[in-house]
Amino acid sequence: REKMSQEKIEYEESSGNVFKDLGLPNPEERLAKAQFASMIYDIIKERGLTQVETAKILGISQPKVSALRNGKLASFSIEQLFSFLGKLDRDIEIIVRERPKDKPEAEISISAAV
């Protein structure tokens, strides 16, 4: 029987935004785009749509659907992602509120209603 090592493992707790943790520019926007793309992907999957069918609904090419599905979001604006959600029969509600004084910077929070 092997002895279990008592060695401590060092780790760093996530901020909740992987893009921020990686030091990438515009981390809040990148996270928002990733969350919207994930919602779009979930709707496409739920409906059983092919990439060709999705492209027709969203008004984009099949390679763009593939890029969206694979998280390659640099060529998509948040406005485009909003448009795609609308074309997939989703309403979008945006709430802007004052940042609490105890938070060092503003953040973007996104949730999907069920």
C-alpha atoms as a PDB file:
ATOM      1  CA  ARG A   1       0.000   0.000   0.000  1.00  0.00           C
ATOM      2  CA  GLU A   2       1.404   3.366  -1.054  1.00  0.00           C
ATOM      3  CA  LYS A   3       1.684   6.244   1.357  1.00  0.00           C
ATOM      4  CA  MET A   4      -0.402   9.219   0.338  1.00  0.00           C
ATOM      5  CA  SER A   5       1.637  12.331  -0.194  1.00  0.00           C
ATOM      6  CA  GLN A   6       0.979  15.200   2.181  1.00  0.00           C
ATOM      7  CA  GLU A   7       2.394  17.652  -0.330  1.00  0.00           C
ATOM      8  CA  LYS A   8       0.282  20.783  -0.726  1.00  0.00           C
ATOM      9  CA  ILE A   9      -0.883  21.622  -4.202  1.00  0.00           C
ATOM     10  CA  GLU A  10      -0.811  25.284  -5.108  1.00  0.00           C
ATOM     11  CA  TYR A  11      -3.726  26.662  -7.035  1.00  0.00           C
ATOM     12  CA  GLU A  12      -5.319  29.962  -7.890  1.00  0.00           C
ATOM     13  CA  GLU A  13      -9.033  30.497  -7.516  1.00  0.00           C
ATOM     14  CA  SER A  14     -10.852  31.623 -10.653  1.00  0.00           C
ATOM     15  CA  SER A  15     -12.410  35.051 -10.903  1.00  0.00           C
ATOM     16  CA  GLY A  16     -15.383  33.403 -12.629  1.00  0.00           C
ATOM     17  CA  ASN A  17     -14.240  34.720 -16.014  1.00  0.00           C
ATOM     18  CA  VAL A  18     -11.684  32.515 -17.756  1.00  0.00           C
ATOM     19  CA  PHE A  19     -10.880  35.300 -20.238  1.00  0.00           C
ATOM     20  CA  LYS A  20      -9.966  37.619 -17.374  1.00  0.00           C
ATOM     21  CA  ASP A  21      -7.949  34.875 -15.686  1.00  0.00           C
ATOM     22  CA  LEU A  22      -5.982  34.410 -18.923  1.00  0.00           C
ATOM     23  CA  GLY A  23      -5.323  38.151 -19.168  1.00  0.00           C
ATOM     24  CA  LEU A  24      -7.117  38.542 -22.501  1.00  0.00           C
ATOM     25  CA  PRO A  25      -8.385  41.950 -23.616  1.00  0.00           C
ATOM     26  CA  ASN A  26     -12.100  42.757 -23.166  1.00  0.00           C
ATOM     27  CA  PRO A  27     -12.782  39.775 -20.900  1.00  0.00           C
ATOM     28  CA  GLU A  28     -16.345  40.810 -19.995  1.00  0.00           C
ATOM     29  CA  GLU A  29     -17.333  41.117 -23.669  1.00  0.00           C
ATOM     30  CA  ARG A  30     -15.654  37.807 -24.513  1.00  0.00           C
ATOM     31  CA  LEU A  31     -17.505  36.051 -21.694  1.00  0.00           C
ATOM     32  CA  ALA A  32     -20.830  37.590 -22.740  1.00  0.00           C
ATOM     33  CA  LYS A  33     -20.325  36.489 -26.349  1.00  0.00           C
ATOM     34  CA  ALA A  34     -19.426  32.975 -25.208  1.00  0.00           C
ATOM     35  CA  GLN A  35     -22.552  32.784 -23.055  1.00  0.00           C
ATOM     36  CA  PHE A  36     -24.803  34.007 -25.878  1.00  0.00           C
ATOM     37  CA  ALA A  37     -23.186  31.559 -28.312  1.00  0.00           C
ATOM     38  CA  SER A  38     -23.777  28.760 -25.827  1.00  0.00           C
ATOM     39  CA  MET A  39     -27.458  29.692 -25.595  1.00  0.00           C
ATOM     40  CA  ILE A  40     -27.698  29.728 -29.399  1.00  0.00           C
ATOM     41  CA  TYR A  41     -26.010  26.330 -29.609  1.00  0.00           C
ATOM     42  CA  ASP A  42     -28.376  24.896 -26.987  1.00  0.00           C
ATOM     43  CA  ILE A  43     -31.426  26.078 -28.963  1.00  0.00           C
ATOM     44  CA  ILE A  44     -30.032  24.615 -32.207  1.00  0.00           C
ATOM     45  CA  LYS A  45     -29.304  21.307 -30.481  1.00  0.00           C
ATOM     46  CA  GLU A  46     -32.716  21.236 -28.793  1.00  0.00           C
ATOM     47  CA  ARG A  47     -34.419  21.731 -32.164  1.00  0.00           C
ATOM     48  CA  GLY A  48     -32.209  19.153 -33.883  1.00  0.00           C
ATOM     49  CA  LEU A  49     -31.218  21.608 -36.607  1.00  0.00           C
ATOM     50  CA  THR A  50     -28.422  20.882 -39.057  1.00  0.00           C
ATOM     51  CA  GLN A  51     -25.800  23.521 -39.776  1.00  0.00           C
ATOM     52  CA  VAL A  52     -27.402  24.157 -43.172  1.00  0.00           C
ATOM     53  CA  GLU A  53     -30.854  24.635 -41.601  1.00  0.00           C
ATOM     54  CA  THR A  54     -29.340  26.881 -38.926  1.00  0.00           C
ATOM     55  CA  ALA A  55     -27.540  28.964 -41.547  1.00  0.00           C
ATOM     56  CA  LYS A  56     -30.827  29.539 -43.380  1.00  0.00           C
ATOM     57  CA  ILE A  57     -32.639  30.593 -40.186  1.00  0.00           C
ATOM     58  CA  LEU A  58     -29.833  32.897 -39.018  1.00  0.00           C
ATOM     59  CA  GLY A  59     -29.098  34.311 -42.480  1.00  0.00           C
ATOM     60  CA  ILE A  60     -25.418  33.368 -42.423  1.00  0.00           C
ATOM     61  CA  SER A  61     -23.224  30.835 -44.223  1.00  0.00           C
ATOM     62  CA  GLN A  62     -22.727  27.270 -43.018  1.00  0.00           C
ATOM     63  CA  PRO A  63     -19.028  27.952 -42.246  1.00  0.00           C
ATOM     64  CA  LYS A  64     -20.151  30.836 -39.998  1.00  0.00           C
ATOM     65  CA  VAL A  65     -22.504  28.447 -38.181  1.00  0.00           C
ATOM     66  CA  SER A  66     -19.567  26.094 -37.726  1.00  0.00           C
ATOM     67  CA  ALA A  67     -17.432  28.937 -36.323  1.00  0.00           C
ATOM     68  CA  LEU A  68     -20.244  29.929 -33.958  1.00  0.00           C
ATOM     69  CA  ARG A  69     -20.699  26.348 -32.825  1.00  0.00           C
ATOM     70  CA  ASN A  70     -16.961  25.954 -32.206  1.00  0.00           C
ATOM     71  CA  GLY A  71     -16.664  29.132 -30.147  1.00  0.00           C
ATOM     72  CA  LYS A  72     -14.749  31.091 -32.784  1.00  0.00           C
ATOM     73  CA  LEU A  73     -16.565  34.315 -32.001  1.00  0.00           C
ATOM     74  CA  ALA A  74     -14.156  37.078 -33.056  1.00  0.00           C
ATOM     75  CA  SER A  75     -16.127  37.783 -36.250  1.00  0.00           C
ATOM     76  CA  PHE A  76     -19.459  38.054 -34.400  1.00  0.00           C
ATOM     77  CA  SER A  77     -20.649  41.155 -32.591  1.00  0.00           C
ATOM     78  CA  ILE A  78     -22.890  41.025 -29.563  1.00  0.00           C
ATOM     79  CA  GLU A  79     -25.553  42.695 -31.711  1.00  0.00           C
ATOM     80  CA  GLN A  80     -25.338  39.829 -34.228  1.00  0.00           C
ATOM     81  CA  LEU A  81     -25.697  37.285 -31.444  1.00  0.00           C
ATOM     82  CA  PHE A  82     -28.770  39.186 -30.191  1.00  0.00           C
ATOM     83  CA  SER A  83     -30.156  39.044 -33.729  1.00  0.00           C
ATOM     84  CA  PHE A  84     -29.566  35.283 -33.897  1.00  0.00           C
ATOM     85  CA  LEU A  85     -31.397  34.789 -30.600  1.00  0.00           C
ATOM     86  CA  GLY A  86     -34.315  36.808 -31.981  1.00  0.00           C
ATOM     87  CA  LYS A  87     -34.372  34.658 -35.128  1.00  0.00           C
ATOM     88  CA  LEU A  88     -34.513  31.645 -32.816  1.00  0.00           C
ATOM     89  CA  ASP A  89     -37.640  33.057 -31.132  1.00  0.00           C
ATOM     90  CA  ARG A  90     -35.983  34.426 -28.001  1.00  0.00           C
ATOM     91  CA  ASP A  91     -36.685  37.787 -26.372  1.00  0.00           C
ATOM     92  CA  ILE A  92     -33.783  39.666 -24.812  1.00  0.00           C
ATOM     93  CA  GLU A  93     -34.147  41.826 -21.723  1.00  0.00           C
ATOM     94  CA  ILE A  94     -31.291  44.079 -20.639  1.00  0.00           C
ATOM     95  CA  ILE A  95     -31.143  45.590 -17.162  1.00  0.00           C
ATOM     96  CA  VAL A  96     -28.566  48.248 -16.318  1.00  0.00           C
ATOM     97  CA  ARG A  97     -27.978  49.079 -12.665  1.00  0.00           C
ATOM     98  CA  GLU A  98     -25.458  50.944 -10.566  1.00  0.00           C
ATOM     99  CA  ARG A  99     -22.390  48.939  -9.563  1.00  0.00           C
ATOM    100  CA  PRO A 100     -22.213  48.209  -5.832  1.00  0.00           C
ATOM    101  CA  LYS A 101     -19.487  50.238  -4.109  1.00  0.00           C
ATOM    102  CA  ASP A 102     -17.816  47.069  -2.791  1.00  0.00           C
ATOM    103  CA  LYS A 103     -17.130  45.732  -6.317  1.00  0.00           C
ATOM    104  CA  PRO A 104     -13.861  46.948  -7.860  1.00  0.00           C
ATOM    105  CA  GLU A 105     -15.196  46.925 -11.421  1.00  0.00           C
ATOM    106  CA  ALA A 106     -18.441  46.614 -13.331  1.00  0.00           C
ATOM    107  CA  GLU A 107     -19.453  43.204 -14.595  1.00  0.00           C
ATOM    108  CA  ILE A 108     -21.836  41.684 -17.091  1.00  0.00           C
ATOM    109  CA  SER A 109     -24.232  39.015 -15.871  1.00  0.00           C
ATOM    110  CA  ILE A 110     -26.245  36.875 -18.264  1.00  0.00           C
ATOM    111  CA  SER A 111     -28.935  34.352 -17.497  1.00  0.00           C
ATOM    112  CA  ALA A 112     -31.489  32.445 -19.525  1.00  0.00           C
ATOM    113  CA  ALA A 113     -35.109  32.276 -18.439  1.00  0.00           C
ATOM    114  CA  VAL A 114     -36.611  28.830 -18.558  1.00  0.00           C
END
